[in-house]
């Protein structure tokens, strides 16, 4: 039987597609382009988390839509979206 963490918290970060760089498979947005819930510029994404959710224009995306590291989130093909499209990344941590 898997262990379930009794307490979980989430951290959210917001940016827009226009903050990203690269094209096609290499399109990515740096963690430093995001702001946190307090409106403060982020310095990095969490390195230890249970899972993360990516919302593009308010819609949660499937797991194959992105990959994340402490410094960037990669969204292949994200450069085809409008620069003003909002991006929210939610990390669920214990």
N, C-alpha and C. Protein backbone atom coordinates (compact mmCIF):
# COMPACT_ATOMS: atom_id res chain seq x y z
N UNK A 1 0.84 -1.17 0.00
CA UNK A 1 0.00 0.00 0.00
C UNK A 1 0.90 1.25 0.00
N UNK A 2 0.67 2.19 -0.92
CA UNK A 2 1.51 3.39 -0.98
C UNK A 2 1.24 4.31 0.21
N UNK A 3 2.28 5.00 0.59
CA UNK A 3 2.14 5.99 1.65
C UNK A 3 1.57 7.27 1.07
N UNK A 4 0.63 7.86 1.77
CA UNK A 4 0.04 9.13 1.35
C UNK A 4 0.49 10.19 2.34
N UNK A 5 1.06 11.24 1.82
CA UNK A 5 1.53 12.32 2.68
C UNK A 5 0.32 12.97 3.36
N UNK A 6 0.34 13.13 4.68
CA UNK A 6 -0.83 13.68 5.38
C UNK A 6 -1.07 15.16 5.09
N UNK A 7 -0.05 15.89 4.74
CA UNK A 7 -0.21 17.31 4.46
C UNK A 7 0.47 17.64 3.15
N UNK A 8 -0.24 18.34 2.30
CA UNK A 8 0.35 18.80 1.06
C UNK A 8 0.05 20.27 0.88
N UNK A 9 0.96 20.97 0.28
CA UNK A 9 0.83 22.39 0.03
C UNK A 9 1.11 22.61 -1.45
N UNK A 10 0.66 23.73 -1.98
CA UNK A 10 0.99 24.00 -3.38
C UNK A 10 1.63 25.36 -3.52
N UNK A 11 2.49 25.46 -4.51
CA UNK A 11 3.15 26.71 -4.87
C UNK A 11 2.79 26.99 -6.31
N UNK A 12 2.31 28.20 -6.59
CA UNK A 12 1.91 28.55 -7.94
C UNK A 12 2.79 29.66 -8.49
N UNK A 13 3.05 29.56 -9.80
CA UNK A 13 3.87 30.54 -10.50
C UNK A 13 3.17 30.92 -11.79
N UNK A 14 3.17 32.21 -12.11
CA UNK A 14 2.46 32.70 -13.30
C UNK A 14 3.39 33.48 -14.22
N UNK A 15 3.16 33.34 -15.53
CA UNK A 15 3.90 34.07 -16.56
C UNK A 15 3.03 34.08 -17.81
N UNK A 16 3.58 34.52 -18.92
CA UNK A 16 2.88 34.44 -20.20
C UNK A 16 3.80 33.75 -21.20
N UNK A 17 3.21 33.26 -22.27
CA UNK A 17 4.00 32.61 -23.32
C UNK A 17 5.07 33.54 -23.86
N UNK A 18 4.78 34.84 -23.91
CA UNK A 18 5.74 35.82 -24.42
C UNK A 18 7.04 35.87 -23.62
N UNK A 19 7.05 35.30 -22.42
CA UNK A 19 8.26 35.27 -21.60
C UNK A 19 9.21 34.16 -22.01
N UNK A 20 8.76 33.28 -22.91
CA UNK A 20 9.56 32.13 -23.30
C UNK A 20 10.55 32.43 -24.42
N UNK A 21 11.45 31.50 -24.62
CA UNK A 21 12.45 31.60 -25.69
C UNK A 21 12.56 30.26 -26.39
N UNK A 22 13.14 30.27 -27.58
CA UNK A 22 13.33 29.05 -28.34
C UNK A 22 12.14 28.80 -29.26
N UNK A 23 12.25 27.77 -30.06
CA UNK A 23 11.17 27.40 -30.98
C UNK A 23 10.97 25.90 -30.96
N UNK A 24 9.77 25.47 -31.35
CA UNK A 24 9.47 24.05 -31.44
C UNK A 24 9.73 23.29 -30.16
N UNK A 25 10.50 22.22 -30.27
CA UNK A 25 10.77 21.34 -29.13
C UNK A 25 11.61 22.00 -28.04
N UNK A 26 12.31 23.08 -28.37
CA UNK A 26 13.19 23.72 -27.39
C UNK A 26 12.55 24.94 -26.72
N UNK A 27 11.26 25.21 -26.99
CA UNK A 27 10.62 26.38 -26.38
C UNK A 27 10.55 26.18 -24.87
N UNK A 28 11.03 27.16 -24.12
CA UNK A 28 11.05 27.07 -22.66
C UNK A 28 10.86 28.45 -22.04
N UNK A 29 10.38 28.44 -20.82
CA UNK A 29 10.23 29.67 -20.05
C UNK A 29 11.07 29.52 -18.79
N UNK A 30 11.95 30.46 -18.54
CA UNK A 30 12.82 30.42 -17.35
C UNK A 30 12.00 30.65 -16.09
N UNK A 31 12.38 29.98 -15.02
CA UNK A 31 11.71 30.16 -13.73
C UNK A 31 11.74 31.62 -13.30
N UNK A 32 12.79 32.33 -13.64
CA UNK A 32 12.93 33.73 -13.24
C UNK A 32 11.96 34.66 -13.97
N UNK A 33 11.28 34.17 -15.01
CA UNK A 33 10.27 34.96 -15.72
C UNK A 33 8.91 34.89 -15.03
N UNK A 34 8.77 34.01 -14.05
CA UNK A 34 7.51 33.81 -13.35
C UNK A 34 7.44 34.65 -12.09
N UNK A 35 6.20 34.90 -11.64
CA UNK A 35 5.96 35.51 -10.32
C UNK A 35 5.22 34.49 -9.47
N UNK A 36 5.37 34.60 -8.16
CA UNK A 36 4.69 33.68 -7.26
C UNK A 36 3.34 34.27 -6.83
N UNK A 37 2.66 33.62 -5.91
CA UNK A 37 1.34 34.08 -5.45
C UNK A 37 1.37 35.47 -4.84
N UNK A 38 2.50 35.87 -4.31
CA UNK A 38 2.63 37.19 -3.70
C UNK A 38 3.02 38.26 -4.72
N UNK A 39 3.21 37.85 -5.98
CA UNK A 39 3.62 38.81 -7.00
C UNK A 39 5.10 39.07 -7.04
N UNK A 40 5.86 38.27 -6.29
CA UNK A 40 7.31 38.41 -6.22
C UNK A 40 7.96 37.59 -7.33
N UNK A 41 9.01 38.12 -7.93
CA UNK A 41 9.72 37.39 -8.98
C UNK A 41 10.29 36.09 -8.41
N UNK A 42 10.08 35.01 -9.14
CA UNK A 42 10.60 33.71 -8.72
C UNK A 42 12.10 33.64 -9.00
N UNK A 43 12.80 32.88 -8.19
CA UNK A 43 14.22 32.66 -8.43
C UNK A 43 14.48 31.27 -8.98
N UNK A 44 13.60 30.31 -8.62
CA UNK A 44 13.71 28.93 -9.10
C UNK A 44 12.41 28.21 -8.79
N UNK A 45 12.20 27.10 -9.48
CA UNK A 45 11.08 26.22 -9.16
C UNK A 45 11.52 25.26 -8.07
N UNK A 46 10.57 24.67 -7.34
CA UNK A 46 10.94 23.68 -6.33
C UNK A 46 11.67 22.49 -6.98
N UNK A 47 12.63 21.94 -6.27
CA UNK A 47 13.35 20.77 -6.79
C UNK A 47 12.74 19.47 -6.27
N UNK A 48 12.04 19.54 -5.15
CA UNK A 48 11.36 18.37 -4.59
C UNK A 48 9.86 18.66 -4.54
N UNK A 49 9.09 17.89 -5.29
CA UNK A 49 7.65 18.06 -5.30
C UNK A 49 6.99 16.73 -5.62
N UNK A 50 5.73 16.59 -5.23
CA UNK A 50 4.99 15.34 -5.51
C UNK A 50 4.59 15.29 -6.97
N UNK A 51 4.07 16.38 -7.48
CA UNK A 51 3.71 16.50 -8.89
C UNK A 51 3.48 17.97 -9.21
N UNK A 52 3.36 18.28 -10.48
CA UNK A 52 3.04 19.64 -10.88
C UNK A 52 1.94 19.63 -11.92
N UNK A 53 1.18 20.72 -11.97
CA UNK A 53 0.14 20.91 -12.98
C UNK A 53 0.50 22.13 -13.80
N UNK A 54 0.32 22.02 -15.11
CA UNK A 54 0.55 23.14 -16.01
C UNK A 54 -0.80 23.58 -16.57
N UNK A 55 -1.08 24.87 -16.44
CA UNK A 55 -2.30 25.45 -16.99
C UNK A 55 -1.90 26.43 -18.09
N UNK A 56 -2.43 26.21 -19.28
CA UNK A 56 -2.22 27.14 -20.38
C UNK A 56 -3.57 27.75 -20.70
N UNK A 57 -3.65 29.07 -20.59
CA UNK A 57 -4.90 29.79 -20.81
C UNK A 57 -6.02 29.24 -19.93
N UNK A 58 -5.66 28.87 -18.70
CA UNK A 58 -6.64 28.40 -17.72
C UNK A 58 -7.02 26.94 -17.83
N UNK A 59 -6.49 26.22 -18.80
CA UNK A 59 -6.82 24.81 -18.97
C UNK A 59 -5.66 23.91 -18.56
N UNK A 60 -5.94 22.96 -17.66
CA UNK A 60 -4.89 22.05 -17.23
C UNK A 60 -4.47 21.18 -18.41
N UNK A 61 -3.16 20.99 -18.54
CA UNK A 61 -2.59 20.23 -19.65
C UNK A 61 -2.25 18.81 -19.24
N UNK A 62 -2.14 17.92 -20.20
CA UNK A 62 -1.75 16.55 -19.93
C UNK A 62 -0.24 16.48 -19.63
N UNK A 63 0.17 15.38 -19.04
CA UNK A 63 1.56 15.23 -18.60
C UNK A 63 2.57 15.29 -19.73
N UNK A 64 2.17 14.96 -20.94
CA UNK A 64 3.12 14.95 -22.06
C UNK A 64 3.32 16.33 -22.69
N UNK A 65 2.71 17.35 -22.12
CA UNK A 65 2.77 18.70 -22.68
C UNK A 65 4.01 19.47 -22.25
N UNK A 66 4.67 19.04 -21.16
CA UNK A 66 5.79 19.82 -20.64
C UNK A 66 6.74 18.96 -19.83
N UNK A 67 7.89 19.56 -19.54
CA UNK A 67 8.84 19.00 -18.58
C UNK A 67 9.41 20.16 -17.79
N UNK A 68 9.81 19.89 -16.58
CA UNK A 68 10.24 20.98 -15.70
C UNK A 68 11.53 20.63 -14.99
N UNK A 69 12.36 21.65 -14.78
CA UNK A 69 13.56 21.55 -13.94
C UNK A 69 13.49 22.70 -12.94
N UNK A 70 14.49 22.83 -12.11
CA UNK A 70 14.51 23.93 -11.14
C UNK A 70 14.62 25.29 -11.82
N UNK A 71 15.12 25.32 -13.06
CA UNK A 71 15.36 26.61 -13.72
C UNK A 71 14.42 26.92 -14.88
N UNK A 72 13.75 25.91 -15.47
CA UNK A 72 12.90 26.17 -16.63
C UNK A 72 11.74 25.18 -16.72
N UNK A 73 10.73 25.59 -17.47
CA UNK A 73 9.69 24.67 -17.90
C UNK A 73 9.73 24.67 -19.42
N UNK A 74 9.80 23.50 -20.00
CA UNK A 74 9.85 23.35 -21.44
C UNK A 74 8.46 22.94 -21.93
N UNK A 75 7.95 23.69 -22.90
CA UNK A 75 6.63 23.44 -23.48
C UNK A 75 6.82 23.32 -24.99
N UNK A 76 7.09 22.11 -25.49
CA UNK A 76 7.32 21.96 -26.93
C UNK A 76 6.17 22.53 -27.75
N UNK A 77 6.51 23.38 -28.71
CA UNK A 77 5.51 24.00 -29.56
C UNK A 77 4.84 25.21 -28.95
N UNK A 78 5.23 25.59 -27.75
CA UNK A 78 4.61 26.74 -27.08
C UNK A 78 4.80 28.04 -27.83
N UNK A 79 5.81 28.10 -28.67
CA UNK A 79 6.07 29.33 -29.42
C UNK A 79 4.98 29.60 -30.45
N UNK A 80 4.12 28.62 -30.75
CA UNK A 80 3.03 28.82 -31.70
C UNK A 80 1.83 29.53 -31.07
N UNK A 81 1.84 29.66 -29.73
CA UNK A 81 0.74 30.31 -29.02
C UNK A 81 0.92 31.83 -29.01
N UNK A 82 -0.16 32.55 -28.77
CA UNK A 82 -0.13 34.00 -28.66
C UNK A 82 0.74 34.41 -27.47
N UNK A 83 1.54 35.47 -27.65
CA UNK A 83 2.45 35.92 -26.59
C UNK A 83 1.73 36.25 -25.28
N UNK A 84 0.48 36.66 -25.34
CA UNK A 84 -0.26 37.04 -24.13
C UNK A 84 -0.92 35.88 -23.42
N UNK A 85 -0.78 34.67 -23.92
CA UNK A 85 -1.42 33.50 -23.30
C UNK A 85 -0.86 33.27 -21.90
N UNK A 86 -1.73 33.24 -20.88
CA UNK A 86 -1.24 33.04 -19.51
C UNK A 86 -0.81 31.59 -19.26
N UNK A 87 0.24 31.46 -18.47
CA UNK A 87 0.79 30.17 -18.07
C UNK A 87 0.83 30.15 -16.54
N UNK A 88 0.29 29.10 -15.94
CA UNK A 88 0.38 28.91 -14.49
C UNK A 88 0.94 27.52 -14.25
N UNK A 89 1.96 27.45 -13.40
CA UNK A 89 2.54 26.16 -13.01
C UNK A 89 2.29 26.02 -11.51
N UNK A 90 1.66 24.91 -11.14
CA UNK A 90 1.36 24.63 -9.73
C UNK A 90 2.15 23.41 -9.30
N UNK A 91 2.98 23.57 -8.27
CA UNK A 91 3.75 22.46 -7.72
C UNK A 91 3.08 22.02 -6.41
N UNK A 92 2.79 20.75 -6.28
CA UNK A 92 2.24 20.20 -5.06
C UNK A 92 3.38 19.56 -4.29
N UNK A 93 3.63 20.10 -3.10
CA UNK A 93 4.75 19.65 -2.28
C UNK A 93 4.23 19.14 -0.95
N UNK A 94 5.05 18.33 -0.30
CA UNK A 94 4.65 17.83 1.02
C UNK A 94 5.51 18.42 2.09
